[in-house]
Protein backbone atom coordinates (compact mmCIF):
# COMPACT_ATOMS: atom_id res chain seq x y z
CA UNK A 1 0.00 0.00 0.00
CA UNK A 2 1.49 3.35 -1.00
CA UNK A 3 1.17 6.62 0.95
CA UNK A 4 -1.26 7.88 -1.73
CA UNK A 5 -3.57 4.88 -1.38
CA UNK A 6 -7.08 6.04 -0.59
CA UNK A 7 -8.87 4.33 2.27
CA UNK A 8 -12.61 4.25 1.58
CA UNK A 9 -14.98 4.86 4.47
CA UNK A 10 -18.70 4.17 4.20
CA UNK A 11 -20.80 7.04 5.56
CA UNK A 12 -23.84 5.99 7.58
CA UNK A 13 -26.85 8.29 7.00
CA UNK A 14 -26.99 9.18 10.72
CA UNK A 15 -23.48 10.65 10.46
CA UNK A 16 -24.74 13.52 8.31
CA UNK A 17 -26.09 16.56 10.12
CA UNK A 18 -27.03 19.78 8.41
CA UNK A 19 -25.72 18.40 5.13
CA UNK A 20 -22.23 17.84 6.56
CA UNK A 21 -20.50 14.63 7.58
CA UNK A 22 -19.77 14.50 11.31
CA UNK A 23 -16.50 13.29 12.80
CA UNK A 24 -18.40 10.21 14.03
CA UNK A 25 -17.87 8.81 10.53
CA UNK A 26 -14.14 8.56 11.25
CA UNK A 27 -14.33 7.52 14.89
CA UNK A 28 -14.36 3.86 15.87
CA UNK A 29 -17.43 2.80 17.86
CA UNK A 30 -17.09 0.66 21.01
CA UNK A 31 -17.84 -2.52 19.02
CA UNK A 32 -14.91 -1.65 16.70
CA UNK A 33 -12.41 -2.04 19.56
CA UNK A 34 -10.55 1.09 18.39
CA UNK A 35 -10.18 -0.26 14.83
CA UNK A 36 -11.89 1.76 12.09
CA UNK A 37 -12.98 -0.32 9.08
CA UNK A 38 -12.10 1.02 5.65
CA UNK A 39 -11.44 -0.46 2.23
CA UNK A 40 -8.07 -0.36 0.48
CA UNK A 41 -8.55 1.79 -2.61
CA UNK A 42 -5.71 -0.08 -4.31
CA UNK A 43 -7.91 -3.16 -4.39
CA UNK A 44 -11.45 -1.87 -4.89
CA UNK A 45 -13.23 1.10 -6.48
CA UNK A 46 -15.55 3.44 -4.55
CA UNK A 47 -18.71 2.12 -6.29
CA UNK A 48 -17.65 -1.49 -5.69
CA UNK A 49 -16.84 -0.71 -2.06
CA UNK A 50 -20.30 0.82 -1.65
CA UNK A 51 -21.99 -2.13 -3.36
CA UNK A 52 -20.14 -4.66 -1.19
CA UNK A 53 -21.03 -2.77 1.99
CA UNK A 54 -24.70 -2.26 1.19
CA UNK A 55 -25.57 -5.40 -0.81
CA UNK A 56 -23.22 -8.09 0.52
CA UNK A 57 -22.80 -6.92 4.12
CA UNK A 58 -26.35 -5.47 4.18
CA UNK A 59 -25.26 -2.30 6.00
CA UNK A 60 -26.59 1.23 5.41
CA UNK A 61 -24.42 3.80 3.65
CA UNK A 62 -25.17 6.95 1.72
CA UNK A 63 -21.77 7.05 0.08
CA UNK A 64 -18.00 6.77 0.20
CA UNK A 65 -15.43 9.26 1.42
CA UNK A 66 -11.71 8.66 1.83
CA UNK A 67 -8.53 9.54 3.61
CA UNK A 68 -5.10 8.43 2.46
CA UNK A 69 -2.59 6.14 4.08
CA UNK A 70 -0.25 9.17 4.34
CA UNK A 71 -2.91 11.26 6.12
CA UNK A 72 -3.26 8.50 8.72
CA UNK A 73 0.52 8.22 9.10
CA UNK A 74 0.83 12.00 9.58
CA UNK A 75 -1.22 11.71 12.78
CA UNK A 76 0.44 8.44 13.89
CA UNK A 77 -2.40 6.09 13.02
CA UNK A 78 -1.31 2.72 11.69
CA UNK A 79 -3.09 1.23 8.68
CA UNK A 80 -3.40 -2.54 8.89
CA UNK A 81 -4.56 -4.84 6.08
CA UNK A 82 -7.28 -7.18 7.41
CA UNK A 83 -8.21 -9.50 4.52
CA UNK A 84 -10.06 -12.11 6.64
CA UNK A 85 -13.56 -10.72 6.00
CA UNK A 86 -12.74 -9.86 2.33
CA UNK A 87 -9.54 -8.94 0.45
CA UNK A 88 -9.86 -5.11 0.47
CA UNK A 89 -10.79 -4.83 4.17
CA UNK A 90 -8.34 -2.65 6.09
CA UNK A 91 -8.22 -1.12 9.56
CA UNK A 92 -7.13 2.28 10.81
CA UNK A 93 -5.75 1.59 14.27
CA UNK A 94 -6.73 4.00 17.06
CA UNK A 95 -5.69 1.59 19.86
CA UNK A 96 -2.77 3.73 21.09
CA UNK A 97 -5.09 6.68 21.76
CA UNK A 98 -7.26 7.78 24.64
CA UNK A 99 -10.81 9.07 24.24
CA UNK A 100 -9.86 12.76 23.78
CA UNK A 101 -7.17 11.90 21.23
CA UNK A 102 -9.56 9.64 19.32
CA UNK A 103 -12.01 12.57 19.02
CA UNK A 104 -9.27 14.90 17.76
CA UNK A 105 -7.92 12.39 15.25
CA UNK A 106 -11.43 11.63 13.97
CA UNK A 107 -11.96 15.35 13.34
CA UNK A 108 -8.68 15.57 11.42
CA UNK A 109 -9.62 12.60 9.24
CA UNK A 110 -13.11 13.98 8.64
CA UNK A 111 -11.63 17.31 7.53
CA UNK A 112 -9.24 15.59 5.11
CA UNK A 113 -12.11 13.51 3.69
CA UNK A 114 -14.34 16.58 3.32
CA UNK A 115 -11.58 18.41 1.42
CA UNK A 116 -11.50 15.46 -0.98
CA UNK A 117 -15.34 15.36 -1.12
CA UNK A 118 -17.50 12.35 -1.90
CA UNK A 119 -15.92 9.67 -4.08
CA UNK A 120 -19.26 7.94 -4.53
CA UNK A 121 -22.80 8.74 -3.43
CA UNK A 122 -25.90 6.58 -3.44
CA UNK A 123 -28.57 7.54 -5.93
CA UNK A 124 -31.24 6.62 -3.39
CA UNK A 125 -32.60 9.47 -1.30
CA UNK A 126 -31.39 9.46 2.30
CA UNK A 127 -34.16 9.65 4.89
CA UNK A 128 -33.55 12.00 7.82
CA UNK A 129 -33.07 10.30 11.17
CA UNK A 130 -36.28 9.01 12.72
CA UNK A 131 -38.20 8.86 9.44
CA UNK A 132 -39.09 5.80 7.39
C-alpha atoms as a PDB file:
ATOM      1  CA  UNK A   1       0.000   0.000   0.000  1.00  0.00           C
ATOM      2  CA  UNK A   2       1.489   3.352  -1.004  1.00  0.00           C
ATOM      3  CA  UNK A   3       1.168   6.617   0.948  1.00  0.00           C
ATOM      4  CA  UNK A   4      -1.258   7.880  -1.733  1.00  0.00           C
ATOM      5  CA  UNK A   5      -3.573   4.878  -1.382  1.00  0.00           C
ATOM      6  CA  UNK A   6      -7.081   6.039  -0.592  1.00  0.00           C
ATOM      7  CA  UNK A   7      -8.869   4.331   2.271  1.00  0.00           C
ATOM      8  CA  UNK A   8     -12.608   4.245   1.579  1.00  0.00           C
ATOM      9  CA  UNK A   9     -14.980   4.864   4.466  1.00  0.00           C
ATOM     10  CA  UNK A  10     -18.701   4.168   4.200  1.00  0.00           C
ATOM     11  CA  UNK A  11     -20.796   7.035   5.562  1.00  0.00           C
ATOM     12  CA  UNK A  12     -23.843   5.987   7.581  1.00  0.00           C
ATOM     13  CA  UNK A  13     -26.852   8.292   7.004  1.00  0.00           C
ATOM     14  CA  UNK A  14     -26.990   9.181  10.717  1.00  0.00           C
ATOM     15  CA  UNK A  15     -23.479  10.653  10.461  1.00  0.00           C
ATOM     16  CA  UNK A  16     -24.740  13.518   8.313  1.00  0.00           C
ATOM     17  CA  UNK A  17     -26.087  16.556  10.116  1.00  0.00           C
ATOM     18  CA  UNK A  18     -27.031  19.785   8.410  1.00  0.00           C
ATOM     19  CA  UNK A  19     -25.718  18.402   5.132  1.00  0.00           C
ATOM     20  CA  UNK A  20     -22.231  17.836   6.558  1.00  0.00           C
ATOM     21  CA  UNK A  21     -20.502  14.633   7.584  1.00  0.00           C
ATOM     22  CA  UNK A  22     -19.772  14.497  11.315  1.00  0.00           C
ATOM     23  CA  UNK A  23     -16.499  13.291  12.799  1.00  0.00           C
ATOM     24  CA  UNK A  24     -18.400  10.206  14.027  1.00  0.00           C
ATOM     25  CA  UNK A  25     -17.871   8.809  10.526  1.00  0.00           C
ATOM     26  CA  UNK A  26     -14.143   8.562  11.251  1.00  0.00           C
ATOM     27  CA  UNK A  27     -14.327   7.519  14.888  1.00  0.00           C
ATOM     28  CA  UNK A  28     -14.365   3.859  15.866  1.00  0.00           C
ATOM     29  CA  UNK A  29     -17.428   2.799  17.857  1.00  0.00           C
ATOM     30  CA  UNK A  30     -17.092   0.656  21.014  1.00  0.00           C
ATOM     31  CA  UNK A  31     -17.836  -2.521  19.021  1.00  0.00           C
ATOM     32  CA  UNK A  32     -14.907  -1.653  16.701  1.00  0.00           C
ATOM     33  CA  UNK A  33     -12.408  -2.044  19.557  1.00  0.00           C
ATOM     34  CA  UNK A  34     -10.546   1.086  18.387  1.00  0.00           C
ATOM     35  CA  UNK A  35     -10.178  -0.262  14.830  1.00  0.00           C
ATOM     36  CA  UNK A  36     -11.893   1.757  12.088  1.00  0.00           C
ATOM     37  CA  UNK A  37     -12.980  -0.317   9.079  1.00  0.00           C
ATOM     38  CA  UNK A  38     -12.097   1.018   5.655  1.00  0.00           C
ATOM     39  CA  UNK A  39     -11.438  -0.459   2.225  1.00  0.00           C
ATOM     40  CA  UNK A  40      -8.065  -0.359   0.481  1.00  0.00           C
ATOM     41  CA  UNK A  41      -8.549   1.788  -2.608  1.00  0.00           C
ATOM     42  CA  UNK A  42      -5.705  -0.078  -4.309  1.00  0.00           C
ATOM     43  CA  UNK A  43      -7.906  -3.164  -4.390  1.00  0.00           C
ATOM     44  CA  UNK A  44     -11.451  -1.868  -4.892  1.00  0.00           C
ATOM     45  CA  UNK A  45     -13.231   1.101  -6.481  1.00  0.00           C
ATOM     46  CA  UNK A  46     -15.548   3.444  -4.550  1.00  0.00           C
ATOM     47  CA  UNK A  47     -18.711   2.120  -6.291  1.00  0.00           C
ATOM     48  CA  UNK A  48     -17.655  -1.491  -5.691  1.00  0.00           C
ATOM     49  CA  UNK A  49     -16.837  -0.713  -2.056  1.00  0.00           C
ATOM     50  CA  UNK A  50     -20.300   0.816  -1.646  1.00  0.00           C
ATOM     51  CA  UNK A  51     -21.995  -2.126  -3.357  1.00  0.00           C
ATOM     52  CA  UNK A  52     -20.144  -4.657  -1.192  1.00  0.00           C
ATOM     53  CA  UNK A  53     -21.030  -2.775   1.989  1.00  0.00           C
ATOM     54  CA  UNK A  54     -24.701  -2.264   1.185  1.00  0.00           C
ATOM     55  CA  UNK A  55     -25.571  -5.395  -0.811  1.00  0.00           C
ATOM     56  CA  UNK A  56     -23.218  -8.090   0.517  1.00  0.00           C
ATOM     57  CA  UNK A  57     -22.800  -6.924   4.125  1.00  0.00           C
ATOM     58  CA  UNK A  58     -26.347  -5.469   4.180  1.00  0.00           C
ATOM     59  CA  UNK A  59     -25.256  -2.301   6.002  1.00  0.00           C
ATOM     60  CA  UNK A  60     -26.586   1.225   5.413  1.00  0.00           C
ATOM     61  CA  UNK A  61     -24.418   3.797   3.650  1.00  0.00           C
ATOM     62  CA  UNK A  62     -25.173   6.949   1.724  1.00  0.00           C
ATOM     63  CA  UNK A  63     -21.771   7.052   0.077  1.00  0.00           C
ATOM     64  CA  UNK A  64     -18.004   6.767   0.201  1.00  0.00           C
ATOM     65  CA  UNK A  65     -15.431   9.261   1.420  1.00  0.00           C
ATOM     66  CA  UNK A  66     -11.708   8.664   1.825  1.00  0.00           C
ATOM     67  CA  UNK A  67      -8.534   9.539   3.607  1.00  0.00           C
ATOM     68  CA  UNK A  68      -5.098   8.430   2.456  1.00  0.00           C
ATOM     69  CA  UNK A  69      -2.592   6.140   4.075  1.00  0.00           C
ATOM     70  CA  UNK A  70      -0.251   9.170   4.342  1.00  0.00           C
ATOM     71  CA  UNK A  71      -2.908  11.258   6.118  1.00  0.00           C
ATOM     72  CA  UNK A  72      -3.257   8.503   8.716  1.00  0.00           C
ATOM     73  CA  UNK A  73       0.522   8.216   9.102  1.00  0.00           C
ATOM     74  CA  UNK A  74       0.829  11.996   9.577  1.00  0.00           C
ATOM     75  CA  UNK A  75      -1.215  11.706  12.778  1.00  0.00           C
ATOM     76  CA  UNK A  76       0.443   8.444  13.889  1.00  0.00           C
ATOM     77  CA  UNK A  77      -2.405   6.094  13.020  1.00  0.00           C
ATOM     78  CA  UNK A  78      -1.309   2.720  11.693  1.00  0.00           C
ATOM     79  CA  UNK A  79      -3.089   1.230   8.685  1.00  0.00           C
ATOM     80  CA  UNK A  80      -3.404  -2.537   8.886  1.00  0.00           C
ATOM     81  CA  UNK A  81      -4.565  -4.843   6.079  1.00  0.00           C
ATOM     82  CA  UNK A  82      -7.278  -7.185   7.413  1.00  0.00           C
ATOM     83  CA  UNK A  83      -8.210  -9.500   4.522  1.00  0.00           C
ATOM     84  CA  UNK A  84     -10.059 -12.111   6.637  1.00  0.00           C
ATOM     85  CA  UNK A  85     -13.559 -10.716   5.997  1.00  0.00           C
ATOM     86  CA  UNK A  86     -12.738  -9.859   2.335  1.00  0.00           C
ATOM     87  CA  UNK A  87      -9.541  -8.936   0.449  1.00  0.00           C
ATOM     88  CA  UNK A  88      -9.859  -5.109   0.472  1.00  0.00           C
ATOM     89  CA  UNK A  89     -10.788  -4.833   4.171  1.00  0.00           C
ATOM     90  CA  UNK A  90      -8.341  -2.652   6.095  1.00  0.00           C
ATOM     91  CA  UNK A  91      -8.222  -1.122   9.563  1.00  0.00           C
ATOM     92  CA  UNK A  92      -7.134   2.285  10.809  1.00  0.00           C
ATOM     93  CA  UNK A  93      -5.752   1.586  14.271  1.00  0.00           C
ATOM     94  CA  UNK A  94      -6.732   4.004  17.056  1.00  0.00           C
ATOM     95  CA  UNK A  95      -5.689   1.594  19.859  1.00  0.00           C
ATOM     96  CA  UNK A  96      -2.768   3.730  21.087  1.00  0.00           C
ATOM     97  CA  UNK A  97      -5.091   6.679  21.760  1.00  0.00           C
ATOM     98  CA  UNK A  98      -7.260   7.783  24.638  1.00  0.00           C
ATOM     99  CA  UNK A  99     -10.810   9.074  24.242  1.00  0.00           C
ATOM    100  CA  UNK A 100      -9.865  12.755  23.777  1.00  0.00           C
ATOM    101  CA  UNK A 101      -7.166  11.898  21.233  1.00  0.00           C
ATOM    102  CA  UNK A 102      -9.562   9.644  19.318  1.00  0.00           C
ATOM    103  CA  UNK A 103     -12.008  12.568  19.022  1.00  0.00           C
ATOM    104  CA  UNK A 104      -9.269  14.903  17.758  1.00  0.00           C
ATOM    105  CA  UNK A 105      -7.921  12.393  15.250  1.00  0.00           C
ATOM    106  CA  UNK A 106     -11.433  11.627  13.965  1.00  0.00           C
ATOM    107  CA  UNK A 107     -11.961  15.348  13.336  1.00  0.00           C
ATOM    108  CA  UNK A 108      -8.681  15.572  11.419  1.00  0.00           C
ATOM    109  CA  UNK A 109      -9.620  12.603   9.235  1.00  0.00           C
ATOM    110  CA  UNK A 110     -13.114  13.976   8.644  1.00  0.00           C
ATOM    111  CA  UNK A 111     -11.626  17.309   7.530  1.00  0.00           C
ATOM    112  CA  UNK A 112      -9.241  15.587   5.109  1.00  0.00           C
ATOM    113  CA  UNK A 113     -12.107  13.514   3.688  1.00  0.00           C
ATOM    114  CA  UNK A 114     -14.335  16.584   3.321  1.00  0.00           C
ATOM    115  CA  UNK A 115     -11.583  18.409   1.418  1.00  0.00           C
ATOM    116  CA  UNK A 116     -11.503  15.464  -0.981  1.00  0.00           C
ATOM    117  CA  UNK A 117     -15.335  15.358  -1.118  1.00  0.00           C
ATOM    118  CA  UNK A 118     -17.501  12.349  -1.899  1.00  0.00           C
ATOM    119  CA  UNK A 119     -15.919   9.671  -4.081  1.00  0.00           C
ATOM    120  CA  UNK A 120     -19.264   7.944  -4.534  1.00  0.00           C
ATOM    121  CA  UNK A 121     -22.805   8.735  -3.426  1.00  0.00           C
ATOM    122  CA  UNK A 122     -25.898   6.583  -3.435  1.00  0.00           C
ATOM    123  CA  UNK A 123     -28.568   7.540  -5.933  1.00  0.00           C
ATOM    124  CA  UNK A 124     -31.245   6.617  -3.387  1.00  0.00           C
ATOM    125  CA  UNK A 125     -32.595   9.465  -1.301  1.00  0.00           C
ATOM    126  CA  UNK A 126     -31.388   9.462   2.301  1.00  0.00           C
ATOM    127  CA  UNK A 127     -34.159   9.651   4.886  1.00  0.00           C
ATOM    128  CA  UNK A 128     -33.546  11.995   7.818  1.00  0.00           C
ATOM    129  CA  UNK A 129     -33.073  10.302  11.167  1.00  0.00           C
ATOM    130  CA  UNK A 130     -36.282   9.012  12.716  1.00  0.00           C
ATOM    131  CA  UNK A 131     -38.202   8.862   9.443  1.00  0.00           C
ATOM    132  CA  UNK A 132     -39.091   5.797   7.392  1.00  0.00           C
END
